[in-house]
């Protein structure tokens, strides 16, 4: 297998694994209020995450920035919480459709935080000097982008089935998904080391 496929596959597995449930939760929160016809907005949001994640890894590879793991573990569920709460507040309201700026900023921040959290692992499985890590970094980013698109398509399919076959309203779907996500991330936040110190 070529180096491209090795790092691309690492990017896929970074998202498509049980240990990446936080990322999947974020994507579910992100997608909850969208439909297939909104694919361009979703692609922009997913790419925003990938750019933030890649930027954070790049800064880490060149030892420009590092963040303590406790803060990463705290900020990841906070960003998921923000999107879920935003969905609940905006459910059924028209302003949600007019702009993606707020969600794009949260998505970029989530990407940066997630990338900083992953940076030490990335630096261990990609050896060499920083300039040797640029091509693997881009190949890894492509794998992340592909994996996110897969998750988003599956989430959109699930939303379509629930809303069409089970006759849930879009608003109810948004509220159910967002409430579920809150039920998962609030304990993550409450039991985080940052709050327990």
N, C-alpha and C. Protein backbone atom coordinates (compact mmCIF):
# COMPACT_ATOMS: atom_id res chain seq x y z
N UNK A 1 0.85 -1.18 0.00
CA UNK A 1 0.00 0.00 0.00
C UNK A 1 0.90 1.25 0.00
N UNK A 2 0.56 2.23 -0.85
CA UNK A 2 1.37 3.44 -0.94
C UNK A 2 1.20 4.27 0.33
N UNK A 3 2.12 5.21 0.50
CA UNK A 3 2.04 6.10 1.66
C UNK A 3 0.74 6.89 1.67
N UNK A 4 0.27 7.32 0.48
CA UNK A 4 -0.98 8.08 0.42
C UNK A 4 -2.10 7.30 1.08
N UNK A 5 -2.26 6.03 0.71
CA UNK A 5 -3.37 5.23 1.25
C UNK A 5 -3.20 4.95 2.73
N UNK A 6 -1.97 4.86 3.18
CA UNK A 6 -1.73 4.64 4.62
C UNK A 6 -2.26 5.83 5.41
N UNK A 7 -1.88 7.03 5.03
CA UNK A 7 -2.29 8.22 5.78
C UNK A 7 -3.76 8.57 5.53
N UNK A 8 -4.24 8.35 4.31
CA UNK A 8 -5.65 8.56 4.01
C UNK A 8 -6.50 7.63 4.87
N UNK A 9 -6.07 6.38 4.99
CA UNK A 9 -6.77 5.39 5.81
C UNK A 9 -6.74 5.78 7.29
N UNK A 10 -5.63 6.34 7.75
CA UNK A 10 -5.56 6.84 9.14
C UNK A 10 -6.60 7.95 9.35
N UNK A 11 -6.75 8.82 8.35
CA UNK A 11 -7.74 9.88 8.44
C UNK A 11 -9.16 9.33 8.50
N UNK A 12 -9.44 8.32 7.67
CA UNK A 12 -10.75 7.67 7.71
C UNK A 12 -11.02 7.08 9.08
N UNK A 13 -10.04 6.33 9.59
CA UNK A 13 -10.21 5.66 10.88
C UNK A 13 -10.29 6.64 12.04
N UNK A 14 -9.69 7.81 11.84
CA UNK A 14 -9.74 8.83 12.89
C UNK A 14 -11.19 9.26 13.17
N UNK A 15 -12.02 9.21 12.16
CA UNK A 15 -13.43 9.59 12.30
C UNK A 15 -14.34 8.36 12.41
N UNK A 16 -14.07 7.35 11.61
CA UNK A 16 -14.95 6.18 11.54
C UNK A 16 -14.52 5.08 12.51
N UNK A 17 -14.42 5.42 13.77
CA UNK A 17 -14.11 4.43 14.80
C UNK A 17 -14.93 4.73 16.04
N UNK A 18 -15.10 3.73 16.88
CA UNK A 18 -15.88 3.92 18.10
C UNK A 18 -15.22 4.93 19.05
N UNK A 19 -13.92 5.04 18.97
CA UNK A 19 -13.24 6.00 19.85
C UNK A 19 -13.46 7.45 19.40
N UNK A 20 -14.00 7.64 18.20
CA UNK A 20 -14.24 9.00 17.68
C UNK A 20 -15.70 9.41 17.86
N UNK A 21 -16.36 8.84 18.87
CA UNK A 21 -17.78 9.14 19.03
C UNK A 21 -18.04 10.62 19.26
N UNK A 22 -17.08 11.33 19.88
CA UNK A 22 -17.27 12.76 20.07
C UNK A 22 -17.38 13.50 18.75
N UNK A 23 -16.58 13.07 17.80
CA UNK A 23 -16.63 13.71 16.48
C UNK A 23 -17.94 13.37 15.77
N UNK A 24 -18.38 12.14 15.89
CA UNK A 24 -19.65 11.73 15.28
C UNK A 24 -20.81 12.50 15.92
N UNK A 25 -20.77 12.69 17.24
CA UNK A 25 -21.79 13.50 17.91
C UNK A 25 -21.81 14.92 17.37
N UNK A 26 -20.63 15.49 17.17
CA UNK A 26 -20.57 16.83 16.61
C UNK A 26 -21.19 16.87 15.21
N UNK A 27 -20.85 15.89 14.39
CA UNK A 27 -21.41 15.85 13.03
C UNK A 27 -22.93 15.66 13.06
N UNK A 28 -23.42 14.83 13.98
CA UNK A 28 -24.88 14.66 14.10
C UNK A 28 -25.55 15.97 14.49
N UNK A 29 -24.94 16.69 15.43
CA UNK A 29 -25.49 17.99 15.82
C UNK A 29 -25.44 18.96 14.64
N UNK A 30 -24.37 18.92 13.90
CA UNK A 30 -24.20 19.79 12.76
C UNK A 30 -25.25 19.53 11.68
N UNK A 31 -25.53 18.27 11.43
CA UNK A 31 -26.42 17.87 10.33
C UNK A 31 -27.89 17.91 10.72
N UNK A 32 -28.20 17.89 11.98
CA UNK A 32 -29.59 17.70 12.44
C UNK A 32 -30.60 18.62 11.76
N UNK A 33 -30.23 19.84 11.49
CA UNK A 33 -31.20 20.79 10.93
C UNK A 33 -31.11 20.95 9.42
N UNK A 34 -30.31 20.11 8.78
CA UNK A 34 -30.14 20.22 7.33
C UNK A 34 -30.77 19.03 6.60
N UNK A 35 -30.94 19.21 5.29
CA UNK A 35 -31.46 18.16 4.41
C UNK A 35 -30.50 17.98 3.25
N UNK A 36 -30.76 16.98 2.38
CA UNK A 36 -29.89 16.72 1.25
C UNK A 36 -29.72 17.95 0.36
N UNK A 37 -30.78 18.75 0.22
CA UNK A 37 -30.70 19.94 -0.64
C UNK A 37 -29.71 20.97 -0.11
N UNK A 38 -29.31 20.85 1.15
CA UNK A 38 -28.36 21.77 1.77
C UNK A 38 -26.92 21.26 1.68
N UNK A 39 -26.65 20.38 0.73
CA UNK A 39 -25.35 19.71 0.67
C UNK A 39 -24.18 20.69 0.54
N UNK A 40 -24.37 21.81 -0.15
CA UNK A 40 -23.26 22.77 -0.30
C UNK A 40 -22.87 23.37 1.04
N UNK A 41 -23.88 23.75 1.84
CA UNK A 41 -23.59 24.30 3.17
C UNK A 41 -22.90 23.27 4.04
N UNK A 42 -23.37 22.04 3.98
CA UNK A 42 -22.76 20.99 4.79
C UNK A 42 -21.32 20.73 4.36
N UNK A 43 -21.08 20.75 3.06
CA UNK A 43 -19.72 20.55 2.57
C UNK A 43 -18.81 21.68 3.04
N UNK A 44 -19.32 22.91 3.04
CA UNK A 44 -18.54 24.04 3.55
C UNK A 44 -18.21 23.83 5.03
N UNK A 45 -19.20 23.40 5.81
CA UNK A 45 -18.99 23.19 7.24
C UNK A 45 -17.98 22.08 7.51
N UNK A 46 -18.13 20.97 6.79
CA UNK A 46 -17.21 19.85 6.96
C UNK A 46 -15.79 20.26 6.59
N UNK A 47 -15.67 20.98 5.50
CA UNK A 47 -14.35 21.43 5.06
C UNK A 47 -13.76 22.44 6.05
N UNK A 48 -14.62 23.24 6.67
CA UNK A 48 -14.17 24.17 7.70
C UNK A 48 -13.54 23.41 8.86
N UNK A 49 -14.19 22.30 9.27
CA UNK A 49 -13.59 21.47 10.32
C UNK A 49 -12.23 20.95 9.87
N UNK A 50 -12.17 20.38 8.66
CA UNK A 50 -10.94 19.78 8.17
C UNK A 50 -9.82 20.81 8.10
N UNK A 51 -10.12 22.02 7.66
CA UNK A 51 -9.10 23.08 7.60
C UNK A 51 -8.62 23.45 9.00
N UNK A 52 -9.55 23.57 9.95
CA UNK A 52 -9.15 23.87 11.33
C UNK A 52 -8.30 22.76 11.92
N UNK A 53 -8.70 21.53 11.70
CA UNK A 53 -7.98 20.36 12.20
C UNK A 53 -6.58 20.31 11.60
N UNK A 54 -6.48 20.54 10.29
CA UNK A 54 -5.19 20.49 9.59
C UNK A 54 -4.30 21.64 10.05
N UNK A 55 -4.86 22.83 10.22
CA UNK A 55 -4.09 23.96 10.71
C UNK A 55 -3.51 23.66 12.09
N UNK A 56 -4.31 23.08 12.97
CA UNK A 56 -3.83 22.76 14.32
C UNK A 56 -2.71 21.73 14.27
N UNK A 57 -2.87 20.71 13.42
CA UNK A 57 -1.81 19.70 13.29
C UNK A 57 -0.54 20.34 12.72
N UNK A 58 -0.70 21.20 11.74
CA UNK A 58 0.45 21.89 11.15
C UNK A 58 1.19 22.70 12.21
N UNK A 59 0.44 23.48 12.99
CA UNK A 59 1.06 24.29 14.05
C UNK A 59 1.74 23.42 15.10
N UNK A 60 1.18 22.26 15.35
CA UNK A 60 1.77 21.34 16.31
C UNK A 60 3.03 20.69 15.75
N UNK A 61 2.97 20.27 14.49
CA UNK A 61 4.12 19.63 13.85
C UNK A 61 5.34 20.55 13.90
N UNK A 62 5.11 21.83 13.69
CA UNK A 62 6.22 22.80 13.72
C UNK A 62 6.43 23.41 15.10
N UNK A 63 5.84 22.80 16.12
CA UNK A 63 6.00 23.23 17.52
C UNK A 63 5.68 24.71 17.74
N UNK A 64 4.66 25.19 17.04
CA UNK A 64 4.25 26.58 17.19
C UNK A 64 3.25 26.71 18.33
N UNK A 65 2.41 25.69 18.50
CA UNK A 65 1.39 25.75 19.54
C UNK A 65 1.15 24.35 20.12
N UNK A 66 0.92 24.32 21.41
CA UNK A 66 0.50 23.09 22.09
C UNK A 66 -0.54 23.47 23.14
N UNK A 67 -1.41 22.54 23.44
CA UNK A 67 -2.46 22.77 24.44
C UNK A 67 -2.50 21.55 25.34
N UNK A 68 -2.71 21.78 26.61
CA UNK A 68 -2.81 20.67 27.56
C UNK A 68 -4.02 19.80 27.21
N UNK A 69 -3.85 18.49 27.36
CA UNK A 69 -4.91 17.55 26.99
C UNK A 69 -6.18 17.74 27.81
N UNK A 70 -6.04 18.21 29.07
CA UNK A 70 -7.24 18.43 29.89
C UNK A 70 -8.14 19.50 29.27
N UNK A 71 -7.53 20.54 28.69
CA UNK A 71 -8.32 21.60 28.07
C UNK A 71 -8.98 21.11 26.79
N UNK A 72 -8.28 20.29 26.04
CA UNK A 72 -8.86 19.72 24.81
C UNK A 72 -10.06 18.86 25.19
N UNK A 73 -9.88 18.00 26.20
CA UNK A 73 -10.97 17.12 26.64
C UNK A 73 -12.16 17.90 27.18
N UNK A 74 -11.94 19.10 27.65
CA UNK A 74 -13.01 19.95 28.15
C UNK A 74 -13.69 20.72 27.00
N UNK A 75 -12.89 21.26 26.09
CA UNK A 75 -13.44 22.11 25.03
C UNK A 75 -14.17 21.33 23.94
N UNK A 76 -13.79 20.09 23.70
CA UNK A 76 -14.48 19.29 22.67
C UNK A 76 -15.97 19.15 23.02
N UNK A 77 -16.34 18.65 24.21
CA UNK A 77 -17.78 18.55 24.49
C UNK A 77 -18.47 19.91 24.61
N UNK A 78 -17.72 20.95 24.99
CA UNK A 78 -18.31 22.30 25.06
C UNK A 78 -18.77 22.73 23.66
N UNK A 79 -17.93 22.50 22.65
CA UNK A 79 -18.32 22.90 21.29
C UNK A 79 -19.51 22.08 20.78
N UNK A 80 -19.55 20.81 21.14
CA UNK A 80 -20.70 19.97 20.77
C UNK A 80 -21.95 20.50 21.45
N UNK A 81 -21.83 20.84 22.73
CA UNK A 81 -22.94 21.41 23.50
C UNK A 81 -23.47 22.69 22.84
N UNK A 82 -22.57 23.55 22.40
CA UNK A 82 -22.96 24.82 21.78
C UNK A 82 -23.81 24.57 20.54
N UNK A 83 -23.39 23.64 19.69
CA UNK A 83 -24.15 23.35 18.46
C UNK A 83 -25.51 22.74 18.80
N UNK A 84 -25.54 21.83 19.76
CA UNK A 84 -26.82 21.20 20.14
C UNK A 84 -27.79 22.23 20.73
N UNK A 85 -27.29 23.10 21.59
CA UNK A 85 -28.15 24.15 22.18
C UNK A 85 -28.61 25.11 21.09
N UNK A 86 -27.74 25.48 20.19
CA UNK A 86 -28.10 26.35 19.06
C UNK A 86 -29.23 25.72 18.25
N UNK A 87 -29.11 24.41 17.99
CA UNK A 87 -30.16 23.70 17.25
C UNK A 87 -31.50 23.79 17.97
N UNK A 88 -31.48 23.60 19.28
CA UNK A 88 -32.73 23.64 20.06
C UNK A 88 -33.35 25.03 20.01
N UNK A 89 -32.52 26.04 20.19
CA UNK A 89 -33.01 27.43 20.16
C UNK A 89 -33.53 27.80 18.77
N UNK A 90 -32.83 27.34 17.73
CA UNK A 90 -33.17 27.74 16.36
C UNK A 90 -34.17 26.80 15.68
N UNK A 91 -34.53 25.70 16.32
CA UNK A 91 -35.41 24.71 15.69
C UNK A 91 -36.69 25.36 15.18
N UNK A 92 -36.93 25.21 13.89
CA UNK A 92 -38.15 25.74 13.28
C UNK A 92 -38.13 27.22 12.98
N UNK A 93 -37.02 27.90 13.28
CA UNK A 93 -36.95 29.34 13.01
C UNK A 93 -36.21 29.59 11.70
N UNK A 94 -36.59 30.61 10.99
CA UNK A 94 -36.05 30.85 9.66
C UNK A 94 -34.62 31.41 9.67
N UNK A 95 -34.20 32.07 10.75
CA UNK A 95 -32.86 32.66 10.73
C UNK A 95 -31.76 31.61 10.62
N UNK A 96 -32.06 30.38 11.02
CA UNK A 96 -31.09 29.29 10.94
C UNK A 96 -30.64 29.07 9.50
N UNK A 97 -31.56 29.23 8.55
CA UNK A 97 -31.26 28.95 7.16
C UNK A 97 -30.50 30.10 6.49
N UNK A 98 -30.58 31.28 7.03
CA UNK A 98 -30.03 32.45 6.36
C UNK A 98 -28.51 32.54 6.45
N UNK A 99 -27.93 32.04 7.50
CA UNK A 99 -26.49 32.17 7.66
C UNK A 99 -25.90 30.93 8.33
N UNK A 100 -24.66 30.67 7.98
CA UNK A 100 -23.97 29.57 8.65
C UNK A 100 -22.74 30.10 9.38
N UNK A 101 -22.62 31.41 9.49
CA UNK A 101 -21.42 32.02 10.05
C UNK A 101 -21.14 31.54 11.47
N UNK A 102 -22.13 31.59 12.35
CA UNK A 102 -21.92 31.18 13.74
C UNK A 102 -21.50 29.71 13.81
N UNK A 103 -22.25 28.86 13.13
CA UNK A 103 -21.94 27.42 13.16
C UNK A 103 -20.59 27.16 12.49
N UNK A 104 -20.26 27.91 11.45
CA UNK A 104 -18.95 27.74 10.80
C UNK A 104 -17.82 28.09 11.75
N UNK A 105 -17.99 29.15 12.53
CA UNK A 105 -16.96 29.53 13.51
C UNK A 105 -16.80 28.46 14.59
N UNK A 106 -17.92 27.94 15.08
CA UNK A 106 -17.87 26.87 16.09
C UNK A 106 -17.22 25.63 15.48
N UNK A 107 -17.55 25.33 14.23
CA UNK A 107 -16.98 24.16 13.54
C UNK A 107 -15.47 24.32 13.37
N UNK A 108 -15.02 25.50 12.97
CA UNK A 108 -13.59 25.75 12.83
C UNK A 108 -12.88 25.60 14.18
N UNK A 109 -13.49 26.14 15.24
CA UNK A 109 -12.92 26.02 16.58
C UNK A 109 -12.85 24.55 17.00
N UNK A 110 -13.93 23.79 16.73
CA UNK A 110 -13.94 22.37 17.05
C UNK A 110 -12.81 21.66 16.29
N UNK A 111 -12.62 22.02 15.03
CA UNK A 111 -11.54 21.41 14.25
C UNK A 111 -10.18 21.70 14.83
N UNK A 112 -9.97 22.95 15.24
CA UNK A 112 -8.68 23.33 15.82
C UNK A 112 -8.44 22.59 17.13
N UNK A 113 -9.43 22.58 18.00
CA UNK A 113 -9.29 21.89 19.28
C UNK A 113 -9.06 20.39 19.07
N UNK A 114 -9.85 19.81 18.19
CA UNK A 114 -9.72 18.38 17.89
C UNK A 114 -8.34 18.07 17.33
N UNK A 115 -7.86 18.93 16.44
CA UNK A 115 -6.52 18.75 15.86
C UNK A 115 -5.42 18.85 16.90
N UNK A 116 -5.55 19.80 17.82
CA UNK A 116 -4.56 19.93 18.88
C UNK A 116 -4.57 18.70 19.79
N UNK A 117 -5.76 18.15 20.02
CA UNK A 117 -5.86 16.95 20.84
C UNK A 117 -5.25 15.73 20.17
N UNK A 118 -5.27 15.72 18.86
CA UNK A 118 -4.76 14.58 18.10
C UNK A 118 -3.29 14.74 17.76
N UNK A 119 -2.73 15.91 17.97
CA UNK A 119 -1.40 16.22 17.48
C UNK A 119 -0.29 15.32 18.03
N UNK A 120 -0.35 14.98 19.30
CA UNK A 120 0.73 14.14 19.85
C UNK A 120 0.71 12.76 19.21
N UNK A 121 -0.49 12.21 18.98
CA UNK A 121 -0.57 10.91 18.31
C UNK A 121 -0.07 11.02 16.87
N UNK A 122 -0.47 12.07 16.18
CA UNK A 122 -0.03 12.26 14.80
C UNK A 122 1.49 12.33 14.72
N UNK A 123 2.08 13.05 15.66
CA UNK A 123 3.54 13.18 15.65
C UNK A 123 4.25 11.87 15.97
N UNK A 124 3.57 10.93 16.62
CA UNK A 124 4.21 9.64 16.89
C UNK A 124 4.10 8.69 15.71
N UNK A 125 2.99 8.74 14.96
CA UNK A 125 2.88 7.79 13.84
C UNK A 125 3.43 8.33 12.53
N UNK A 126 3.76 9.63 12.48
CA UNK A 126 4.43 10.20 11.31
C UNK A 126 5.79 10.70 11.79
N UNK A 127 6.82 9.98 11.43
CA UNK A 127 8.16 10.31 11.93
C UNK A 127 8.88 11.25 10.95
N UNK A 128 9.99 11.76 11.41
CA UNK A 128 10.81 12.63 10.57
C UNK A 128 10.75 14.06 11.03
N UNK A 129 11.45 14.90 10.27
CA UNK A 129 11.43 16.32 10.59
C UNK A 129 10.11 16.94 10.13
N UNK A 130 9.77 18.12 10.64
CA UNK A 130 8.48 18.72 10.32
C UNK A 130 8.16 18.80 8.83
N UNK A 131 9.12 19.16 8.00
CA UNK A 131 8.85 19.27 6.57
C UNK A 131 8.50 17.92 5.94
N UNK A 132 8.97 16.81 6.54
CA UNK A 132 8.63 15.48 6.04
C UNK A 132 7.17 15.11 6.34
N UNK A 133 6.55 15.85 7.23
CA UNK A 133 5.19 15.50 7.67
C UNK A 133 4.11 16.24 6.89
N UNK A 134 4.48 17.13 5.99
CA UNK A 134 3.48 17.93 5.28
C UNK A 134 2.62 17.08 4.35
N UNK A 135 3.24 16.23 3.53
CA UNK A 135 2.46 15.38 2.61
C UNK A 135 1.56 14.42 3.40
N UNK A 136 2.08 13.71 4.42
CA UNK A 136 1.19 12.85 5.21
C UNK A 136 0.05 13.64 5.86
N UNK A 137 0.32 14.88 6.28
CA UNK A 137 -0.71 15.71 6.89
C UNK A 137 -1.85 15.98 5.91
N UNK A 138 -1.52 16.30 4.67
CA UNK A 138 -2.55 16.54 3.66
C UNK A 138 -3.30 15.26 3.30
N UNK A 139 -2.60 14.15 3.22
CA UNK A 139 -3.24 12.86 2.92
C UNK A 139 -4.17 12.45 4.05
N UNK A 140 -3.74 12.68 5.27
CA UNK A 140 -4.56 12.42 6.44
C UNK A 140 -5.83 13.30 6.42
N UNK A 141 -5.66 14.58 6.06
CA UNK A 141 -6.78 15.51 5.99
C UNK A 141 -7.81 15.06 4.95
N UNK A 142 -7.36 14.53 3.83
CA UNK A 142 -8.29 14.03 2.81
C UNK A 142 -9.09 12.84 3.35
N UNK A 143 -8.45 12.00 4.14
CA UNK A 143 -9.15 10.87 4.76
C UNK A 143 -10.20 11.35 5.75
N UNK A 144 -9.87 12.39 6.52
CA UNK A 144 -10.83 12.97 7.46
C UNK A 144 -12.03 13.54 6.71
N UNK A 145 -11.75 14.27 5.63
CA UNK A 145 -12.83 14.88 4.85
C UNK A 145 -13.76 13.80 4.29
N UNK A 146 -13.17 12.73 3.73
CA UNK A 146 -13.98 11.63 3.17
C UNK A 146 -14.82 10.96 4.25
N UNK A 147 -14.24 10.72 5.42
CA UNK A 147 -14.97 10.08 6.51
C UNK A 147 -16.13 10.95 6.98
N UNK A 148 -15.91 12.24 7.07
CA UNK A 148 -16.98 13.14 7.50
C UNK A 148 -18.12 13.15 6.50
N UNK A 149 -17.80 13.12 5.23
CA UNK A 149 -18.84 13.08 4.20
C UNK A 149 -19.66 11.81 4.33
N UNK A 150 -19.00 10.69 4.62
CA UNK A 150 -19.71 9.42 4.83
C UNK A 150 -20.67 9.54 6.01
N UNK A 151 -20.20 10.08 7.13
CA UNK A 151 -21.04 10.23 8.33
C UNK A 151 -22.22 11.14 8.02
N UNK A 152 -21.97 12.23 7.33
CA UNK A 152 -23.05 13.18 7.03
C UNK A 152 -24.10 12.55 6.11
N UNK A 153 -23.66 11.80 5.11
CA UNK A 153 -24.62 11.13 4.23
C UNK A 153 -25.48 10.15 5.02
N UNK A 154 -24.85 9.38 5.90
CA UNK A 154 -25.61 8.43 6.73
C UNK A 154 -26.58 9.15 7.66
N UNK A 155 -26.15 10.27 8.24
CA UNK A 155 -27.03 11.03 9.13
C UNK A 155 -28.20 11.63 8.35
N UNK A 156 -27.95 12.12 7.15
CA UNK A 156 -29.03 12.66 6.32
C UNK A 156 -30.01 11.57 5.91
N UNK A 157 -29.49 10.38 5.60
CA UNK A 157 -30.36 9.25 5.26
C UNK A 157 -31.24 8.87 6.45
N UNK A 158 -30.65 8.81 7.63
CA UNK A 158 -31.42 8.50 8.83
C UNK A 158 -32.50 9.54 9.07
N UNK A 159 -32.15 10.81 8.93
CA UNK A 159 -33.13 11.89 9.11
C UNK A 159 -34.26 11.77 8.09
N UNK A 160 -33.92 11.44 6.87
CA UNK A 160 -34.92 11.29 5.81
C UNK A 160 -35.90 10.16 6.14
N UNK A 161 -35.34 9.03 6.58
CA UNK A 161 -36.18 7.87 6.92
C UNK A 161 -37.11 8.21 8.09
N UNK A 162 -36.55 8.81 9.13
CA UNK A 162 -37.35 9.13 10.32
C UNK A 162 -38.43 10.16 9.99
N UNK A 163 -38.08 11.15 9.20
CA UNK A 163 -39.04 12.20 8.89
C UNK A 163 -40.07 11.77 7.84
N UNK A 164 -39.66 10.90 6.93
CA UNK A 164 -40.58 10.48 5.86
C UNK A 164 -41.42 9.28 6.26
N UNK A 165 -40.77 8.23 6.70
CA UNK A 165 -41.49 6.99 7.02
C UNK A 165 -42.17 7.03 8.38
N UNK A 166 -41.50 7.60 9.36
CA UNK A 166 -42.07 7.65 10.71
C UNK A 166 -42.85 8.94 10.97
N UNK A 167 -42.85 9.84 9.99
CA UNK A 167 -43.66 11.07 10.03
C UNK A 167 -43.29 12.03 11.17
N UNK A 168 -42.04 12.04 11.55
CA UNK A 168 -41.57 13.03 12.51
C UNK A 168 -41.44 14.36 11.77
N UNK A 169 -41.78 15.44 12.42
CA UNK A 169 -41.54 16.74 11.81
C UNK A 169 -40.05 17.04 11.89
N UNK A 170 -39.60 17.94 11.03
CA UNK A 170 -38.19 18.31 11.04
C UNK A 170 -37.81 18.91 12.40
N UNK A 171 -38.69 19.73 12.94
CA UNK A 171 -38.45 20.35 14.25
C UNK A 171 -38.30 19.29 15.33
N UNK A 172 -39.19 18.29 15.34
CA UNK A 172 -39.10 17.22 16.33
C UNK A 172 -37.79 16.44 16.18
N UNK A 173 -37.39 16.19 14.94
CA UNK A 173 -36.14 15.47 14.70
C UNK A 173 -34.96 16.25 15.27
N UNK A 174 -34.92 17.56 15.00
CA UNK A 174 -33.84 18.40 15.51
C UNK A 174 -33.80 18.36 17.03
N UNK A 175 -34.97 18.47 17.64
CA UNK A 175 -35.04 18.48 19.11
C UNK A 175 -34.62 17.14 19.70
N UNK A 176 -35.05 16.04 19.09
CA UNK A 176 -34.69 14.71 19.59
C UNK A 176 -33.19 14.48 19.49
N UNK A 177 -32.63 14.75 18.32
CA UNK A 177 -31.19 14.53 18.11
C UNK A 177 -30.38 15.42 19.06
N UNK A 178 -30.78 16.69 19.15
CA UNK A 178 -30.03 17.63 20.00
C UNK A 178 -30.14 17.26 21.48
N UNK A 179 -31.32 16.82 21.91
CA UNK A 179 -31.49 16.40 23.31
C UNK A 179 -30.65 15.17 23.61
N UNK A 180 -30.62 14.22 22.68
CA UNK A 180 -29.78 13.03 22.85
C UNK A 180 -28.32 13.43 23.00
N UNK A 181 -27.87 14.32 22.13
CA UNK A 181 -26.47 14.77 22.17
C UNK A 181 -26.17 15.47 23.50
N UNK A 182 -27.09 16.31 23.95
CA UNK A 182 -26.91 16.96 25.26
C UNK A 182 -26.79 15.93 26.38
N UNK A 183 -27.61 14.88 26.29
CA UNK A 183 -27.56 13.82 27.29
C UNK A 183 -26.23 13.10 27.35
N UNK A 184 -25.51 13.10 26.24
CA UNK A 184 -24.20 12.46 26.21
C UNK A 184 -23.10 13.43 26.63
N UNK A 185 -23.15 14.69 26.13
CA UNK A 185 -22.02 15.59 26.38
C UNK A 185 -22.05 16.29 27.74
N UNK A 186 -23.21 16.51 28.30
CA UNK A 186 -23.25 17.18 29.61
C UNK A 186 -22.48 16.38 30.67
N UNK A 187 -22.67 15.05 30.78
CA UNK A 187 -21.84 14.30 31.73
C UNK A 187 -20.34 14.36 31.41
N UNK A 188 -20.00 14.42 30.11
CA UNK A 188 -18.59 14.55 29.73
C UNK A 188 -18.01 15.85 30.29
N UNK A 189 -18.81 16.90 30.24
CA UNK A 189 -18.35 18.21 30.73
C UNK A 189 -18.28 18.21 32.26
N UNK A 190 -19.34 17.71 32.89
CA UNK A 190 -19.41 17.72 34.36
C UNK A 190 -18.29 16.92 34.99
N UNK A 191 -17.93 15.79 34.38
CA UNK A 191 -16.91 14.91 34.95
C UNK A 191 -15.51 15.21 34.44
N UNK A 192 -15.33 16.30 33.73
CA UNK A 192 -14.02 16.66 33.21
C UNK A 192 -13.10 17.12 34.33
N UNK A 193 -11.81 16.86 34.16
CA UNK A 193 -10.81 17.24 35.18
C UNK A 193 -10.75 18.74 35.44
N UNK A 194 -11.02 19.53 34.41
CA UNK A 194 -10.96 20.99 34.57
C UNK A 194 -11.98 21.45 35.63
N UNK A 195 -13.17 20.90 35.62
CA UNK A 195 -14.20 21.30 36.56
C UNK A 195 -14.04 20.65 37.93
N UNK A 196 -13.38 19.49 37.96
CA UNK A 196 -13.25 18.79 39.23
C UNK A 196 -12.05 19.28 40.06
N UNK A 197 -11.23 20.15 39.47
CA UNK A 197 -10.08 20.69 40.21
C UNK A 197 -10.46 21.89 41.03
